[in-house]
Each structure stands twice: as C-alpha cells, then as structure tokens.
Amino acid sequence: MEYFKIGKLAASFGLDGSLVLQHNLGNKTDLAGLKAIFLEEGKDNFIPYFITSTSIKNEDQVFIHLEGIDTKESARRLTPKEVWLEENDFKKFTAKTAPIALLGFTAWDGELKLGEVIEVIEQPHQVLCVVNYLGNEVY
C-alpha cells in the first residue's frame, strides 16, 4: 500500500477532541466519504485513525473528529503530526492543478529519467520537488 502526505493536524479545537487538519489538496473540501486518515508511527508504519465527522473551516483547513479522540488532551497528543492518505483516496480528493498532485510522477531532464517525485514543498514563490535520483533525495 502506498501513502501520500497531504498536510498535518495543526491544532486541537474545542473540548470534544476535534482537530484542525491543514491540507494541501488544492480545493475546498469536507473530505466527505473518507473513512480514515493515517499517521506515521515510526518509519513506514502507518496507523489508521477513523473519521467520525468533518466540516469545512476554510480553503485549506477542515475540522475533523476521529474515533476514540474525545478530549482536548487526547487531540493535542496528535498535533502537529503529518497526515497521510492511501493512494486511491489521495487521487480522489486532490485537485488536478494542486502542486501536491505531482507526487508519484517521474521527473525527466530531456531524455534522462531523473526519478519519482516523492515530496512536494510549497514555498511562497515556488514549488520545490524532492526526487528520488539513484537512491538519493535531490531537490
């Protein structure tokens, strides 16, 4: 199974364990139909957290409530962890024009294959891609 990083749990909200998910999906969404998000607990060890409810906060943030997270304290333990989605869900919720949609594509320099885009870093005036080139990460 392949996972894609979409953002992070930026903050807890309220007293009932709600969280603010800050995402880079490129469109305003309430993530309707998404059953779970994944948090990385150690290298390549993804733990599912099942969603009980969501609502839109703004263009790139969603209020999210997770099963078993029902206090402000338990929510705070999950911040500021990165949030990952399974490949199928990533493709479903990501806007085609969002820079994060470049994940998984192959970078080329003319006819030379450089490697797969493994991370997209959005900066104020540019988008920076991390490519796996001959086993090394290059920008």
N, C-alpha and C. Protein backbone atom coordinates (compact mmCIF):
# COMPACT_ATOMS: atom_id res chain seq x y z
N MET A 1 0.85 -1.17 0.00
CA MET A 1 0.00 0.00 0.00
C MET A 1 0.89 1.24 0.00
N GLU A 2 0.55 2.21 -0.83
CA GLU A 2 1.31 3.45 -0.89
C GLU A 2 0.52 4.58 -0.24
N TYR A 3 1.22 5.44 0.50
CA TYR A 3 0.61 6.54 1.22
C TYR A 3 1.19 7.87 0.73
N PHE A 4 0.36 8.92 0.75
CA PHE A 4 0.77 10.24 0.32
C PHE A 4 0.47 11.25 1.42
N LYS A 5 1.46 12.08 1.74
CA LYS A 5 1.29 13.11 2.77
C LYS A 5 0.47 14.26 2.21
N ILE A 6 -0.60 14.64 2.93
CA ILE A 6 -1.47 15.71 2.45
C ILE A 6 -1.44 16.95 3.34
N GLY A 7 -0.81 16.88 4.49
CA GLY A 7 -0.78 18.02 5.41
C GLY A 7 -0.49 17.57 6.82
N LYS A 8 -1.08 18.31 7.77
CA LYS A 8 -0.83 17.97 9.18
C LYS A 8 -2.02 18.34 10.04
N LEU A 9 -2.07 17.73 11.20
CA LEU A 9 -3.06 18.11 12.22
C LEU A 9 -2.47 19.32 12.92
N ALA A 10 -2.98 20.49 12.57
CA ALA A 10 -2.37 21.75 13.00
C ALA A 10 -2.68 22.13 14.44
N ALA A 11 -3.90 21.78 14.91
CA ALA A 11 -4.30 22.21 16.25
C ALA A 11 -5.50 21.42 16.72
N SER A 12 -5.71 21.43 18.04
CA SER A 12 -6.95 20.89 18.58
C SER A 12 -7.96 22.04 18.57
N PHE A 13 -9.25 21.68 18.61
CA PHE A 13 -10.29 22.71 18.56
C PHE A 13 -11.41 22.32 19.52
N GLY A 14 -11.70 23.17 20.44
CA GLY A 14 -12.78 22.90 21.39
C GLY A 14 -12.38 21.88 22.44
N LEU A 15 -13.38 21.41 23.16
CA LEU A 15 -13.14 20.48 24.27
C LEU A 15 -13.47 19.04 23.95
N ASP A 16 -14.08 18.78 22.78
CA ASP A 16 -14.56 17.43 22.45
C ASP A 16 -13.58 16.58 21.65
N GLY A 17 -12.34 17.04 21.47
CA GLY A 17 -11.35 16.26 20.74
C GLY A 17 -11.28 16.56 19.26
N SER A 18 -11.98 17.57 18.80
CA SER A 18 -11.90 17.95 17.38
C SER A 18 -10.51 18.49 17.06
N LEU A 19 -10.11 18.30 15.81
CA LEU A 19 -8.80 18.74 15.34
C LEU A 19 -8.97 19.59 14.09
N VAL A 20 -7.95 20.39 13.79
CA VAL A 20 -7.90 21.15 12.55
C VAL A 20 -6.87 20.48 11.65
N LEU A 21 -7.35 19.95 10.52
CA LEU A 21 -6.47 19.34 9.52
C LEU A 21 -6.14 20.41 8.48
N GLN A 22 -4.86 20.77 8.41
CA GLN A 22 -4.40 21.72 7.40
C GLN A 22 -3.88 20.89 6.23
N HIS A 23 -4.48 21.06 5.04
CA HIS A 23 -4.15 20.20 3.90
C HIS A 23 -3.67 21.00 2.69
N ASN A 24 -3.06 20.29 1.76
CA ASN A 24 -2.56 20.86 0.51
C ASN A 24 -3.27 20.24 -0.68
N LEU A 25 -4.53 19.89 -0.53
CA LEU A 25 -5.26 19.18 -1.58
C LEU A 25 -5.65 20.06 -2.76
N GLY A 26 -5.56 21.37 -2.60
CA GLY A 26 -5.80 22.27 -3.71
C GLY A 26 -7.24 22.62 -3.98
N ASN A 27 -8.15 22.16 -3.16
CA ASN A 27 -9.55 22.54 -3.30
C ASN A 27 -10.23 22.51 -1.94
N LYS A 28 -11.30 23.28 -1.83
CA LYS A 28 -12.07 23.33 -0.59
C LYS A 28 -12.86 22.04 -0.49
N THR A 29 -12.70 21.32 0.60
CA THR A 29 -13.35 20.01 0.73
C THR A 29 -13.67 19.72 2.18
N ASP A 30 -14.72 18.94 2.39
CA ASP A 30 -15.01 18.45 3.74
C ASP A 30 -14.62 16.98 3.88
N LEU A 31 -13.96 16.45 2.84
CA LEU A 31 -13.49 15.06 2.82
C LEU A 31 -14.64 14.05 2.96
N ALA A 32 -15.81 14.41 2.44
CA ALA A 32 -16.98 13.53 2.52
C ALA A 32 -16.68 12.17 1.92
N GLY A 33 -16.99 11.14 2.66
CA GLY A 33 -16.77 9.77 2.19
C GLY A 33 -15.44 9.18 2.61
N LEU A 34 -14.52 10.00 3.11
CA LEU A 34 -13.23 9.49 3.57
C LEU A 34 -13.44 8.77 4.90
N LYS A 35 -12.99 7.53 4.98
CA LYS A 35 -13.20 6.73 6.17
C LYS A 35 -12.09 6.90 7.21
N ALA A 36 -10.84 7.08 6.73
CA ALA A 36 -9.71 7.13 7.67
C ALA A 36 -8.58 7.99 7.13
N ILE A 37 -7.83 8.56 8.07
CA ILE A 37 -6.55 9.19 7.76
C ILE A 37 -5.49 8.32 8.41
N PHE A 38 -4.24 8.52 8.03
CA PHE A 38 -3.15 7.73 8.57
C PHE A 38 -2.09 8.65 9.15
N LEU A 39 -1.56 8.26 10.31
CA LEU A 39 -0.45 8.95 10.94
C LEU A 39 0.72 7.99 10.98
N GLU A 40 1.91 8.50 10.70
CA GLU A 40 3.10 7.65 10.66
C GLU A 40 3.66 7.51 12.07
N GLU A 41 3.67 6.28 12.56
CA GLU A 41 4.21 5.96 13.89
C GLU A 41 5.49 5.16 13.67
N GLY A 42 6.57 5.84 13.36
CA GLY A 42 7.81 5.15 13.02
C GLY A 42 7.94 5.04 11.51
N LYS A 43 9.12 4.72 11.04
CA LYS A 43 9.42 4.67 9.60
C LYS A 43 8.52 3.67 8.89
N ASP A 44 7.73 4.16 7.93
CA ASP A 44 6.84 3.35 7.09
C ASP A 44 5.85 2.50 7.88
N ASN A 45 5.45 2.96 9.05
CA ASN A 45 4.46 2.27 9.87
C ASN A 45 3.27 3.22 10.05
N PHE A 46 2.24 3.04 9.23
CA PHE A 46 1.11 3.95 9.20
C PHE A 46 -0.06 3.38 9.99
N ILE A 47 -0.57 4.18 10.93
CA ILE A 47 -1.68 3.77 11.79
C ILE A 47 -2.95 4.49 11.33
N PRO A 48 -4.05 3.75 11.09
CA PRO A 48 -5.29 4.42 10.68
C PRO A 48 -6.01 5.05 11.86
N TYR A 49 -6.59 6.20 11.61
CA TYR A 49 -7.47 6.87 12.55
C TYR A 49 -8.79 7.08 11.82
N PHE A 50 -9.85 6.49 12.34
CA PHE A 50 -11.13 6.51 11.65
C PHE A 50 -11.89 7.79 11.93
N ILE A 51 -12.47 8.36 10.89
CA ILE A 51 -13.15 9.65 10.95
C ILE A 51 -14.60 9.45 11.35
N THR A 52 -15.05 10.24 12.34
CA THR A 52 -16.46 10.21 12.73
C THR A 52 -17.22 11.39 12.16
N SER A 53 -16.55 12.54 11.95
CA SER A 53 -17.21 13.69 11.31
C SER A 53 -16.17 14.68 10.82
N THR A 54 -16.57 15.48 9.81
CA THR A 54 -15.73 16.54 9.28
C THR A 54 -16.60 17.73 8.89
N SER A 55 -16.00 18.89 8.84
CA SER A 55 -16.67 20.08 8.29
C SER A 55 -15.60 21.05 7.81
N ILE A 56 -15.94 21.84 6.82
CA ILE A 56 -15.00 22.78 6.24
C ILE A 56 -14.77 23.95 7.19
N LYS A 57 -13.49 24.30 7.37
CA LYS A 57 -13.14 25.52 8.14
C LYS A 57 -12.88 26.65 7.16
N ASN A 58 -12.00 26.40 6.16
CA ASN A 58 -11.70 27.37 5.12
C ASN A 58 -11.11 26.64 3.92
N GLU A 59 -10.48 27.37 3.02
CA GLU A 59 -9.99 26.81 1.76
C GLU A 59 -9.03 25.63 1.95
N ASP A 60 -8.18 25.68 2.97
CA ASP A 60 -7.19 24.62 3.14
C ASP A 60 -7.18 24.00 4.54
N GLN A 61 -8.31 24.14 5.25
CA GLN A 61 -8.42 23.52 6.57
C GLN A 61 -9.79 22.89 6.75
N VAL A 62 -9.80 21.77 7.49
CA VAL A 62 -11.02 21.02 7.77
C VAL A 62 -11.04 20.70 9.26
N PHE A 63 -12.20 20.89 9.88
CA PHE A 63 -12.39 20.39 11.24
C PHE A 63 -12.64 18.89 11.10
N ILE A 64 -11.94 18.10 11.91
CA ILE A 64 -12.06 16.65 11.81
C ILE A 64 -12.17 16.05 13.21
N HIS A 65 -13.04 15.07 13.34
CA HIS A 65 -13.18 14.38 14.62
C HIS A 65 -12.89 12.91 14.36
N LEU A 66 -12.02 12.33 15.18
CA LEU A 66 -11.56 10.95 15.00
C LEU A 66 -12.10 10.05 16.09
N GLU A 67 -12.39 8.81 15.71
CA GLU A 67 -12.90 7.81 16.64
C GLU A 67 -11.91 7.62 17.79
N GLY A 68 -12.40 7.68 19.03
CA GLY A 68 -11.56 7.46 20.20
C GLY A 68 -10.84 8.70 20.69
N ILE A 69 -10.89 9.77 19.95
CA ILE A 69 -10.28 11.03 20.36
C ILE A 69 -11.42 11.94 20.80
N ASP A 70 -11.67 11.99 22.10
CA ASP A 70 -12.85 12.71 22.57
C ASP A 70 -12.58 13.73 23.67
N THR A 71 -11.31 14.06 23.87
CA THR A 71 -10.96 15.13 24.83
C THR A 71 -9.92 16.04 24.19
N LYS A 72 -9.84 17.23 24.72
CA LYS A 72 -8.85 18.21 24.24
C LYS A 72 -7.43 17.65 24.41
N GLU A 73 -7.19 16.97 25.51
CA GLU A 73 -5.86 16.41 25.79
C GLU A 73 -5.48 15.31 24.79
N SER A 74 -6.41 14.42 24.48
CA SER A 74 -6.09 13.35 23.53
C SER A 74 -5.88 13.92 22.14
N ALA A 75 -6.59 15.00 21.79
CA ALA A 75 -6.40 15.64 20.49
C ALA A 75 -5.03 16.31 20.41
N ARG A 76 -4.63 16.95 21.48
CA ARG A 76 -3.33 17.65 21.49
C ARG A 76 -2.16 16.69 21.29
N ARG A 77 -2.30 15.45 21.70
CA ARG A 77 -1.22 14.47 21.51
C ARG A 77 -0.99 14.17 20.03
N LEU A 78 -1.97 14.47 19.19
CA LEU A 78 -1.85 14.19 17.76
C LEU A 78 -1.35 15.39 16.96
N THR A 79 -1.12 16.52 17.62
CA THR A 79 -0.64 17.70 16.91
C THR A 79 0.84 17.91 17.19
N PRO A 80 1.60 18.36 16.24
CA PRO A 80 1.34 18.64 14.83
C PRO A 80 1.78 17.49 13.93
N LYS A 81 1.17 16.34 14.04
CA LYS A 81 1.57 15.18 13.23
C LYS A 81 1.13 15.32 11.77
N GLU A 82 1.95 14.75 10.89
CA GLU A 82 1.64 14.75 9.45
C GLU A 82 0.53 13.75 9.17
N VAL A 83 -0.31 14.09 8.20
CA VAL A 83 -1.46 13.26 7.82
C VAL A 83 -1.21 12.68 6.44
N TRP A 84 -1.50 11.40 6.32
CA TRP A 84 -1.30 10.66 5.07
C TRP A 84 -2.61 10.03 4.63
N LEU A 85 -2.76 9.84 3.32
CA LEU A 85 -3.90 9.13 2.75
C LEU A 85 -3.39 7.98 1.90
N GLU A 86 -4.23 6.93 1.79
CA GLU A 86 -3.93 5.86 0.85
C GLU A 86 -4.04 6.41 -0.56
N GLU A 87 -3.36 5.77 -1.49
CA GLU A 87 -3.27 6.25 -2.87
C GLU A 87 -4.63 6.55 -3.51
N ASN A 88 -5.59 5.64 -3.38
CA ASN A 88 -6.91 5.84 -4.00
C ASN A 88 -7.61 7.07 -3.45
N ASP A 89 -7.57 7.26 -2.13
CA ASP A 89 -8.19 8.42 -1.51
C ASP A 89 -7.45 9.71 -1.90
N PHE A 90 -6.13 9.63 -1.98
CA PHE A 90 -5.33 10.79 -2.38
C PHE A 90 -5.77 11.27 -3.77
N LYS A 91 -5.89 10.33 -4.71
CA LYS A 91 -6.30 10.69 -6.07
C LYS A 91 -7.72 11.25 -6.10
N LYS A 92 -8.58 10.73 -5.26
CA LYS A 92 -9.98 11.16 -5.23
C LYS A 92 -10.13 12.60 -4.72
N PHE A 93 -9.37 12.99 -3.71
CA PHE A 93 -9.56 14.28 -3.06
C PHE A 93 -8.61 15.38 -3.51
N THR A 94 -7.58 15.07 -4.28
CA THR A 94 -6.62 16.07 -4.71
C THR A 94 -7.05 16.72 -6.02
N ALA A 95 -7.02 18.05 -6.05
CA ALA A 95 -7.31 18.78 -7.28
C ALA A 95 -6.20 18.51 -8.29
N LYS A 96 -6.56 18.35 -9.54
CA LYS A 96 -5.59 18.04 -10.60
C LYS A 96 -4.55 19.15 -10.74
N THR A 97 -4.91 20.40 -10.39
CA THR A 97 -3.99 21.52 -10.55
C THR A 97 -3.17 21.81 -9.29
N ALA A 98 -3.39 21.07 -8.21
CA ALA A 98 -2.65 21.29 -6.96
C ALA A 98 -1.21 20.80 -7.12
N PRO A 99 -0.23 21.55 -6.63
CA PRO A 99 1.16 21.09 -6.70
C PRO A 99 1.37 19.70 -6.10
N ILE A 100 0.62 19.37 -5.04
CA ILE A 100 0.78 18.06 -4.40
C ILE A 100 0.41 16.91 -5.35
N ALA A 101 -0.35 17.21 -6.40
CA ALA A 101 -0.73 16.19 -7.39
C ALA A 101 0.49 15.68 -8.17
N LEU A 102 1.63 16.36 -8.05
CA LEU A 102 2.85 15.91 -8.73
C LEU A 102 3.46 14.67 -8.08
N LEU A 103 3.05 14.36 -6.85
CA LEU A 103 3.60 13.18 -6.15
C LEU A 103 3.39 11.93 -7.00
N GLY A 104 4.43 11.13 -7.10
CA GLY A 104 4.34 9.88 -7.84
C GLY A 104 4.71 10.01 -9.31
N PHE A 105 4.77 11.23 -9.85
CA PHE A 105 5.16 11.41 -11.24
C PHE A 105 6.67 11.21 -11.38
N THR A 106 7.12 10.96 -12.60
CA THR A 106 8.52 10.80 -12.89
C THR A 106 9.07 12.09 -13.48
N ALA A 107 10.20 12.57 -12.92
CA ALA A 107 10.86 13.77 -13.43
C ALA A 107 11.88 13.37 -14.48
N TRP A 108 11.91 14.14 -15.58
CA TRP A 108 12.83 13.90 -16.69
C TRP A 108 13.64 15.16 -16.98
N ASP A 109 14.86 14.99 -17.43
CA ASP A 109 15.68 16.09 -17.93
C ASP A 109 16.02 15.73 -19.38
N GLY A 110 15.18 16.22 -20.28
CA GLY A 110 15.33 15.81 -21.68
C GLY A 110 14.98 14.35 -21.80
N GLU A 111 15.96 13.54 -22.18
CA GLU A 111 15.72 12.10 -22.32
C GLU A 111 16.24 11.31 -21.12
N LEU A 112 16.80 11.99 -20.14
CA LEU A 112 17.34 11.35 -18.94
C LEU A 112 16.26 11.28 -17.86
N LYS A 113 15.95 10.05 -17.43
CA LYS A 113 14.97 9.85 -16.37
C LYS A 113 15.66 10.13 -15.04
N LEU A 114 15.14 11.15 -14.31
CA LEU A 114 15.72 11.52 -13.02
C LEU A 114 15.20 10.66 -11.88
N GLY A 115 13.89 10.42 -11.84
CA GLY A 115 13.31 9.61 -10.78
C GLY A 115 11.92 10.09 -10.40
N GLU A 116 11.36 9.43 -9.40
CA GLU A 116 10.00 9.71 -8.95
C GLU A 116 9.97 10.90 -7.99
N VAL A 117 8.94 11.74 -8.13
CA VAL A 117 8.71 12.84 -7.20
C VAL A 117 8.16 12.23 -5.92
N ILE A 118 8.90 12.38 -4.80
CA ILE A 118 8.50 11.75 -3.54
C ILE A 118 7.99 12.77 -2.52
N GLU A 119 8.24 14.06 -2.77
CA GLU A 119 7.73 15.10 -1.86
C GLU A 119 7.60 16.40 -2.63
N VAL A 120 6.58 17.17 -2.30
CA VAL A 120 6.37 18.49 -2.89
C VAL A 120 6.35 19.51 -1.74
N ILE A 121 7.23 20.50 -1.84
CA ILE A 121 7.34 21.53 -0.82
C ILE A 121 6.85 22.84 -1.44
N GLU A 122 5.73 23.35 -0.92
CA GLU A 122 5.19 24.60 -1.45
C GLU A 122 5.78 25.76 -0.67
N GLN A 123 6.45 26.66 -1.40
CA GLN A 123 7.01 27.86 -0.81
C GLN A 123 6.26 29.06 -1.39
N PRO A 124 6.39 30.25 -0.78
CA PRO A 124 5.61 31.39 -1.23
C PRO A 124 5.73 31.71 -2.73
N HIS A 125 6.92 31.59 -3.31
CA HIS A 125 7.09 31.98 -4.71
C HIS A 125 7.49 30.84 -5.63
N GLN A 126 7.51 29.61 -5.12
CA GLN A 126 7.89 28.49 -5.97
C GLN A 126 7.45 27.18 -5.35
N VAL A 127 7.44 26.15 -6.17
CA VAL A 127 7.17 24.79 -5.71
C VAL A 127 8.46 24.00 -5.88
N LEU A 128 8.87 23.34 -4.82
CA LEU A 128 10.10 22.57 -4.82
C LEU A 128 9.75 21.09 -4.74
N CYS A 129 10.29 20.30 -5.65
CA CYS A 129 10.03 18.85 -5.65
C CYS A 129 11.26 18.10 -5.20
N VAL A 130 11.05 17.08 -4.38
CA VAL A 130 12.12 16.18 -3.97
C VAL A 130 11.98 14.94 -4.84
N VAL A 131 13.07 14.58 -5.51
CA VAL A 131 13.07 13.46 -6.45
C VAL A 131 14.03 12.40 -5.95
N ASN A 132 13.63 11.14 -6.07
CA ASN A 132 14.50 10.02 -5.73
C ASN A 132 15.38 9.73 -6.95
N TYR A 133 16.63 10.21 -6.93
CA TYR A 133 17.57 10.05 -8.04
C TYR A 133 18.68 9.10 -7.63
N LEU A 134 18.70 7.92 -8.21
CA LEU A 134 19.71 6.90 -7.92
C LEU A 134 19.83 6.63 -6.43
N GLY A 135 18.67 6.57 -5.74
CA GLY A 135 18.66 6.25 -4.32
C GLY A 135 18.89 7.43 -3.39
N ASN A 136 19.12 8.62 -3.96
CA ASN A 136 19.34 9.82 -3.16
C ASN A 136 18.20 10.81 -3.37
N GLU A 137 17.93 11.62 -2.35
CA GLU A 137 16.93 12.67 -2.47
C GLU A 137 17.61 13.92 -3.04
N VAL A 138 17.07 14.41 -4.16
CA VAL A 138 17.57 15.65 -4.76
C VAL A 138 16.41 16.62 -4.91
N TYR A 139 16.71 17.91 -4.90
CA TYR A 139 15.69 18.95 -4.98
C TYR A 139 15.68 19.55 -6.37
